[in-house]
Amino acid sequence: MTTPDTASPLSAFLRYNTWATVQLLQFCDTLPRAQLGARAAGAYGSIRETFVHIVGAEAAYLGILGGPAD
């Protein structure tokens, strides 16, 4: 079994990426709905649309890297 001290760089990256995404989602959970749907010039879209994009892209990457989840 791989321990955190001997984990591959990819595993470490994926753990950190998951942690960071959860932190952002927890923070955004405190925002008013109007703010989640607001758009800013030069941004991808609203916060909500950005997270839909991020989660969809990460799901695609996981499918490429490890196949479908069981």
PDB file of N, CA and C in Angstrom:
ATOM      1  N   MET A   1       0.851  -1.186   0.000  1.00  0.00           N
ATOM      2  CA  MET A   1       0.000   0.000   0.000  1.00  0.00           C
ATOM      3  C   MET A   1       0.887   1.237   0.000  1.00  0.00           C
ATOM      4  N   THR A   2       0.502   2.245  -0.743  1.00  0.00           N
ATOM      5  CA  THR A   2       1.272   3.480  -0.832  1.00  0.00           C
ATOM      6  C   THR A   2       0.889   4.407   0.315  1.00  0.00           C
ATOM      7  N   THR A   3       1.880   4.910   1.012  1.00  0.00           N
ATOM      8  CA  THR A   3       1.631   5.878   2.072  1.00  0.00           C
ATOM      9  C   THR A   3       1.808   7.276   1.507  1.00  0.00           C
ATOM     10  N   PRO A   4       1.293   8.302   2.190  1.00  0.00           N
ATOM     11  CA  PRO A   4       1.451   9.664   1.680  1.00  0.00           C
ATOM     12  C   PRO A   4       2.910  10.048   1.442  1.00  0.00           C
ATOM     13  N   ASP A   5       3.843   9.494   2.243  1.00  0.00           N
ATOM     14  CA  ASP A   5       5.258   9.828   2.075  1.00  0.00           C
ATOM     15  C   ASP A   5       5.841   9.264   0.792  1.00  0.00           C
ATOM     16  N   THR A   6       5.269   8.165   0.290  1.00  0.00           N
ATOM     17  CA  THR A   6       5.814   7.527  -0.905  1.00  0.00           C
ATOM     18  C   THR A   6       4.857   7.614  -2.092  1.00  0.00           C
ATOM     19  N   ALA A   7       3.825   8.409  -1.978  1.00  0.00           N
ATOM     20  CA  ALA A   7       2.845   8.530  -3.056  1.00  0.00           C
ATOM     21  C   ALA A   7       3.492   9.148  -4.293  1.00  0.00           C
ATOM     22  N   SER A   8       2.967   8.804  -5.441  1.00  0.00           N
ATOM     23  CA  SER A   8       3.492   9.364  -6.682  1.00  0.00           C
ATOM     24  C   SER A   8       3.162  10.852  -6.764  1.00  0.00           C
ATOM     25  N   PRO A   9       3.931  11.606  -7.542  1.00  0.00           N
ATOM     26  CA  PRO A   9       3.615  13.026  -7.722  1.00  0.00           C
ATOM     27  C   PRO A   9       2.200  13.250  -8.270  1.00  0.00           C
ATOM     28  N   LEU A  10       1.731  12.364  -9.128  1.00  0.00           N
ATOM     29  CA  LEU A  10       0.377  12.493  -9.654  1.00  0.00           C
ATOM     30  C   LEU A  10      -0.652  12.329  -8.541  1.00  0.00           C
ATOM     31  N   SER A  11      -0.454  11.350  -7.674  1.00  0.00           N
ATOM     32  CA  SER A  11      -1.369  11.149  -6.551  1.00  0.00           C
ATOM     33  C   SER A  11      -1.381  12.367  -5.635  1.00  0.00           C
ATOM     34  N   ALA A  12      -0.201  12.908  -5.373  1.00  0.00           N
ATOM     35  CA  ALA A  12      -0.107  14.095  -4.521  1.00  0.00           C
ATOM     36  C   ALA A  12      -0.836  15.266  -5.167  1.00  0.00           C
ATOM     37  N   PHE A  13      -0.662  15.438  -6.464  1.00  0.00           N
ATOM     38  CA  PHE A  13      -1.351  16.513  -7.178  1.00  0.00           C
ATOM     39  C   PHE A  13      -2.856  16.343  -7.107  1.00  0.00           C
ATOM     40  N   LEU A  14      -3.343  15.139  -7.341  1.00  0.00           N
ATOM     41  CA  LEU A  14      -4.785  14.894  -7.332  1.00  0.00           C
ATOM     42  C   LEU A  14      -5.378  15.120  -5.950  1.00  0.00           C
ATOM     43  N   ARG A  15      -4.657  14.720  -4.894  1.00  0.00           N
ATOM     44  CA  ARG A  15      -5.137  14.976  -3.531  1.00  0.00           C
ATOM     45  C   ARG A  15      -5.205  16.474  -3.264  1.00  0.00           C
ATOM     46  N   TYR A  16      -4.166  17.204  -3.642  1.00  0.00           N
ATOM     47  CA  TYR A  16      -4.157  18.645  -3.431  1.00  0.00           C
ATOM     48  C   TYR A  16      -5.257  19.325  -4.247  1.00  0.00           C
ATOM     49  N   ASN A  17      -5.424  18.915  -5.481  1.00  0.00           N
ATOM     50  CA  ASN A  17      -6.457  19.488  -6.337  1.00  0.00           C
ATOM     51  C   ASN A  17      -7.845  19.271  -5.740  1.00  0.00           C
ATOM     52  N   THR A  18      -8.086  18.069  -5.225  1.00  0.00           N
ATOM     53  CA  THR A  18      -9.368  17.777  -4.586  1.00  0.00           C
ATOM     54  C   THR A  18      -9.557  18.653  -3.353  1.00  0.00           C
ATOM     55  N   TRP A  19      -8.527  18.770  -2.533  1.00  0.00           N
ATOM     56  CA  TRP A  19      -8.599  19.613  -1.333  1.00  0.00           C
ATOM     57  C   TRP A  19      -8.934  21.058  -1.728  1.00  0.00           C
ATOM     58  N   ALA A  20      -8.238  21.598  -2.729  1.00  0.00           N
ATOM     59  CA  ALA A  20      -8.451  22.986  -3.143  1.00  0.00           C
ATOM     60  C   ALA A  20      -9.863  23.193  -3.677  1.00  0.00           C
ATOM     61  N   THR A  21     -10.362  22.261  -4.462  1.00  0.00           N
ATOM     62  CA  THR A  21     -11.716  22.367  -5.000  1.00  0.00           C
ATOM     63  C   THR A  21     -12.749  22.350  -3.875  1.00  0.00           C
ATOM     64  N   VAL A  22     -12.565  21.474  -2.901  1.00  0.00           N
ATOM     65  CA  VAL A  22     -13.481  21.410  -1.762  1.00  0.00           C
ATOM     66  C   VAL A  22     -13.447  22.723  -0.985  1.00  0.00           C
ATOM     67  N   GLN A  23     -12.263  23.295  -0.788  1.00  0.00           N
ATOM     68  CA  GLN A  23     -12.159  24.576  -0.074  1.00  0.00           C
ATOM     69  C   GLN A  23     -12.944  25.665  -0.805  1.00  0.00           C
ATOM     70  N   LEU A  24     -12.803  25.731  -2.112  1.00  0.00           N
ATOM     71  CA  LEU A  24     -13.531  26.737  -2.897  1.00  0.00           C
ATOM     72  C   LEU A  24     -15.042  26.515  -2.838  1.00  0.00           C
ATOM     73  N   LEU A  25     -15.463  25.265  -2.941  1.00  0.00           N
ATOM     74  CA  LEU A  25     -16.892  24.967  -2.870  1.00  0.00           C
ATOM     75  C   LEU A  25     -17.466  25.331  -1.502  1.00  0.00           C
ATOM     76  N   GLN A  26     -16.715  25.042  -0.442  1.00  0.00           N
ATOM     77  CA  GLN A  26     -17.189  25.403   0.900  1.00  0.00           C
ATOM     78  C   GLN A  26     -17.302  26.913   1.055  1.00  0.00           C
ATOM     79  N   PHE A  27     -16.345  27.646   0.534  1.00  0.00           N
ATOM     80  CA  PHE A  27     -16.415  29.101   0.598  1.00  0.00           C
ATOM     81  C   PHE A  27     -17.605  29.612  -0.209  1.00  0.00           C
ATOM     82  N   CYS A  28     -17.760  29.109  -1.414  1.00  0.00           N
ATOM     83  CA  CYS A  28     -18.847  29.574  -2.275  1.00  0.00           C
ATOM     84  C   CYS A  28     -20.211  29.211  -1.714  1.00  0.00           C
ATOM     85  N   ASP A  29     -20.276  28.187  -0.887  1.00  0.00           N
ATOM     86  CA  ASP A  29     -21.533  27.798  -0.256  1.00  0.00           C
ATOM     87  C   ASP A  29     -22.042  28.893   0.681  1.00  0.00           C
ATOM     88  N   THR A  30     -21.158  29.791   1.100  1.00  0.00           N
ATOM     89  CA  THR A  30     -21.553  30.885   2.000  1.00  0.00           C
ATOM     90  C   THR A  30     -22.029  32.118   1.232  1.00  0.00           C
ATOM     91  N   LEU A  31     -21.864  32.121  -0.077  1.00  0.00           N
ATOM     92  CA  LEU A  31     -22.219  33.297  -0.878  1.00  0.00           C
ATOM     93  C   LEU A  31     -23.702  33.316  -1.213  1.00  0.00           C
ATOM     94  N   PRO A  32     -24.268  34.516  -1.353  1.00  0.00           N
ATOM     95  CA  PRO A  32     -25.676  34.617  -1.777  1.00  0.00           C
ATOM     96  C   PRO A  32     -25.851  34.069  -3.200  1.00  0.00           C
ATOM     97  N   ARG A  33     -27.016  33.528  -3.484  1.00  0.00           N
ATOM     98  CA  ARG A  33     -27.300  32.966  -4.820  1.00  0.00           C
ATOM     99  C   ARG A  33     -27.048  33.965  -5.933  1.00  0.00           C
ATOM    100  N   ALA A  34     -27.413  35.224  -5.706  1.00  0.00           N
ATOM    101  CA  ALA A  34     -27.214  36.247  -6.738  1.00  0.00           C
ATOM    102  C   ALA A  34     -25.738  36.394  -7.074  1.00  0.00           C
ATOM    103  N   GLN A  35     -24.888  36.290  -6.075  1.00  0.00           N
ATOM    104  CA  GLN A  35     -23.453  36.427  -6.322  1.00  0.00           C
ATOM    105  C   GLN A  35     -22.916  35.216  -7.087  1.00  0.00           C
ATOM    106  N   LEU A  36     -23.450  34.041  -6.815  1.00  0.00           N
ATOM    107  CA  LEU A  36     -23.018  32.840  -7.531  1.00  0.00           C
ATOM    108  C   LEU A  36     -23.376  32.901  -9.010  1.00  0.00           C
ATOM    109  N   GLY A  37     -24.442  33.610  -9.328  1.00  0.00           N
ATOM    110  CA  GLY A  37     -24.880  33.720 -10.714  1.00  0.00           C
ATOM    111  C   GLY A  37     -24.384  34.962 -11.431  1.00  0.00           C
ATOM    112  N   ALA A  38     -23.708  35.860 -10.711  1.00  0.00           N
ATOM    113  CA  ALA A  38     -23.236  37.115 -11.312  1.00  0.00           C
ATOM    114  C   ALA A  38     -22.092  36.847 -12.280  1.00  0.00           C
ATOM    115  N   ARG A  39     -21.978  37.712 -13.265  1.00  0.00           N
ATOM    116  CA  ARG A  39     -20.899  37.607 -14.254  1.00  0.00           C
ATOM    117  C   ARG A  39     -19.979  38.808 -14.136  1.00  0.00           C
ATOM    118  N   ALA A  40     -18.715  38.600 -14.460  1.00  0.00           N
ATOM    119  CA  ALA A  40     -17.734  39.686 -14.451  1.00  0.00           C
ATOM    120  C   ALA A  40     -17.059  39.733 -15.816  1.00  0.00           C
ATOM    121  N   ALA A  41     -16.768  40.928 -16.282  1.00  0.00           N
ATOM    122  CA  ALA A  41     -16.087  41.086 -17.572  1.00  0.00           C
ATOM    123  C   ALA A  41     -14.728  40.380 -17.528  1.00  0.00           C
ATOM    124  N   GLY A  42     -14.440  39.631 -18.572  1.00  0.00           N
ATOM    125  CA  GLY A  42     -13.155  38.952 -18.676  1.00  0.00           C
ATOM    126  C   GLY A  42     -13.079  37.616 -17.968  1.00  0.00           C
ATOM    127  N   ALA A  43     -14.142  37.224 -17.272  1.00  0.00           N
ATOM    128  CA  ALA A  43     -14.154  35.946 -16.566  1.00  0.00           C
ATOM    129  C   ALA A  43     -14.829  34.884 -17.435  1.00  0.00           C
ATOM    130  N   TYR A  44     -14.664  33.617 -17.065  1.00  0.00           N
ATOM    131  CA  TYR A  44     -15.250  32.503 -17.816  1.00  0.00           C
ATOM    132  C   TYR A  44     -16.764  32.626 -17.875  1.00  0.00           C
ATOM    133  N   GLY A  45     -17.338  33.003 -16.785  1.00  0.00           N
ATOM    134  CA  GLY A  45     -18.797  33.128 -16.642  1.00  0.00           C
ATOM    135  C   GLY A  45     -19.076  33.373 -15.177  1.00  0.00           C
ATOM    136  N   SER A  46     -20.225  32.943 -14.722  1.00  0.00           N
ATOM    137  CA  SER A  46     -20.542  33.089 -13.306  1.00  0.00           C
ATOM    138  C   SER A  46     -19.720  32.082 -12.495  1.00  0.00           C
ATOM    139  N   ILE A  47     -19.736  32.252 -11.188  1.00  0.00           N
ATOM    140  CA  ILE A  47     -19.051  31.288 -10.315  1.00  0.00           C
ATOM    141  C   ILE A  47     -19.656  29.908 -10.533  1.00  0.00           C
ATOM    142  N   ARG A  48     -20.971  29.855 -10.604  1.00  0.00           N
ATOM    143  CA  ARG A  48     -21.657  28.567 -10.807  1.00  0.00           C
ATOM    144  C   ARG A  48     -21.225  27.913 -12.124  1.00  0.00           C
ATOM    145  N   GLU A  49     -21.202  28.685 -13.197  1.00  0.00           N
ATOM    146  CA  GLU A  49     -20.793  28.136 -14.510  1.00  0.00           C
ATOM    147  C   GLU A  49     -19.334  27.699 -14.497  1.00  0.00           C
ATOM    148  N   THR A  50     -18.505  28.434 -13.792  1.00  0.00           N
ATOM    149  CA  THR A  50     -17.090  28.075 -13.705  1.00  0.00           C
ATOM    150  C   THR A  50     -16.918  26.744 -12.996  1.00  0.00           C
ATOM    151  N   PHE A  51     -17.654  26.535 -11.896  1.00  0.00           N
ATOM    152  CA  PHE A  51     -17.547  25.261 -11.189  1.00  0.00           C
ATOM    153  C   PHE A  51     -18.100  24.098 -12.002  1.00  0.00           C
ATOM    154  N   VAL A  52     -19.167  24.327 -12.739  1.00  0.00           N
ATOM    155  CA  VAL A  52     -19.690  23.268 -13.612  1.00  0.00           C
ATOM    156  C   VAL A  52     -18.607  22.877 -14.622  1.00  0.00           C
ATOM    157  N   HIS A  53     -17.922  23.867 -15.173  1.00  0.00           N
ATOM    158  CA  HIS A  53     -16.843  23.615 -16.127  1.00  0.00           C
ATOM    159  C   HIS A  53     -15.689  22.852 -15.464  1.00  0.00           C
ATOM    160  N   ILE A  54     -15.266  23.289 -14.287  1.00  0.00           N
ATOM    161  CA  ILE A  54     -14.142  22.649 -13.594  1.00  0.00           C
ATOM    162  C   ILE A  54     -14.459  21.200 -13.255  1.00  0.00           C
ATOM    163  N   VAL A  55     -15.610  20.961 -12.680  1.00  0.00           N
ATOM    164  CA  VAL A  55     -15.978  19.601 -12.282  1.00  0.00           C
ATOM    165  C   VAL A  55     -16.126  18.701 -13.513  1.00  0.00           C
ATOM    166  N   GLY A  56     -16.701  19.217 -14.577  1.00  0.00           N
ATOM    167  CA  GLY A  56     -16.821  18.430 -15.803  1.00  0.00           C
ATOM    168  C   GLY A  56     -15.467  18.088 -16.399  1.00  0.00           C
ATOM    169  N   ALA A  57     -14.569  19.063 -16.408  1.00  0.00           N
ATOM    170  CA  ALA A  57     -13.224  18.821 -16.938  1.00  0.00           C
ATOM    171  C   ALA A  57     -12.471  17.813 -16.077  1.00  0.00           C
ATOM    172  N   GLU A  58     -12.595  17.933 -14.756  1.00  0.00           N
ATOM    173  CA  GLU A  58     -11.907  16.989 -13.874  1.00  0.00           C
ATOM    174  C   GLU A  58     -12.455  15.576 -14.032  1.00  0.00           C
ATOM    175  N   ALA A  59     -13.753  15.454 -14.231  1.00  0.00           N
ATOM    176  CA  ALA A  59     -14.334  14.133 -14.467  1.00  0.00           C
ATOM    177  C   ALA A  59     -13.786  13.536 -15.759  1.00  0.00           C
ATOM    178  N   ALA A  60     -13.639  14.364 -16.784  1.00  0.00           N
ATOM    179  CA  ALA A  60     -13.071  13.891 -18.055  1.00  0.00           C
ATOM    180  C   ALA A  60     -11.622  13.447 -17.868  1.00  0.00           C
ATOM    181  N   TYR A  61     -10.838  14.229 -17.127  1.00  0.00           N
ATOM    182  CA  TYR A  61      -9.436  13.867 -16.885  1.00  0.00           C
ATOM    183  C   TYR A  61      -9.347  12.549 -16.111  1.00  0.00           C
ATOM    184  N   LEU A  62     -10.200  12.377 -15.113  1.00  0.00           N
ATOM    185  CA  LEU A  62     -10.178  11.127 -14.360  1.00  0.00           C
ATOM    186  C   LEU A  62     -10.516   9.940 -15.250  1.00  0.00           C
ATOM    187  N   GLY A  63     -11.459  10.138 -16.168  1.00  0.00           N
ATOM    188  CA  GLY A  63     -11.788   9.072 -17.104  1.00  0.00           C
ATOM    189  C   GLY A  63     -10.613   8.702 -17.989  1.00  0.00           C
ATOM    190  N   ILE A  64      -9.852   9.713 -18.384  1.00  0.00           N
ATOM    191  CA  ILE A  64      -8.680   9.478 -19.241  1.00  0.00           C
ATOM    192  C   ILE A  64      -7.574   8.794 -18.431  1.00  0.00           C
ATOM    193  N   LEU A  65      -7.339   9.268 -17.219  1.00  0.00           N
ATOM    194  CA  LEU A  65      -6.231   8.761 -16.403  1.00  0.00           C
ATOM    195  C   LEU A  65      -6.488   7.393 -15.784  1.00  0.00           C
ATOM    196  N   GLY A  66      -7.737   7.167 -15.352  1.00  0.00           N
ATOM    197  CA  GLY A  66      -7.959   5.947 -14.605  1.00  0.00           C
ATOM    198  C   GLY A  66      -9.146   5.140 -15.038  1.00  0.00           C
ATOM    199  N   GLY A  67      -9.814   5.540 -16.065  1.00  0.00           N
ATOM    200  CA  GLY A  67     -10.993   4.820 -16.485  1.00  0.00           C
ATOM    201  C   GLY A  67     -12.185   5.200 -15.639  1.00  0.00           C
ATOM    202  N   PRO A  68     -13.328   4.643 -15.935  1.00  0.00           N
ATOM    203  CA  PRO A  68     -14.546   4.989 -15.201  1.00  0.00           C
ATOM    204  C   PRO A  68     -14.474   4.529 -13.754  1.00  0.00           C
ATOM    205  N   ALA A  69     -15.126   5.289 -12.879  1.00  0.00           N
ATOM    206  CA  ALA A  69     -15.165   4.928 -11.462  1.00  0.00           C
ATOM    207  C   ALA A  69     -16.151   3.787 -11.265  1.00  0.00           C
ATOM    208  N   ASP A  70     -15.840   2.916 -10.327  1.00  0.00           N
ATOM    209  CA  ASP A  70     -16.735   1.785 -10.010  1.00  0.00           C
ATOM    210  C   ASP A  70     -17.652   2.140  -8.884  1.00  0.00           C
TER     211      ASP A  70
END
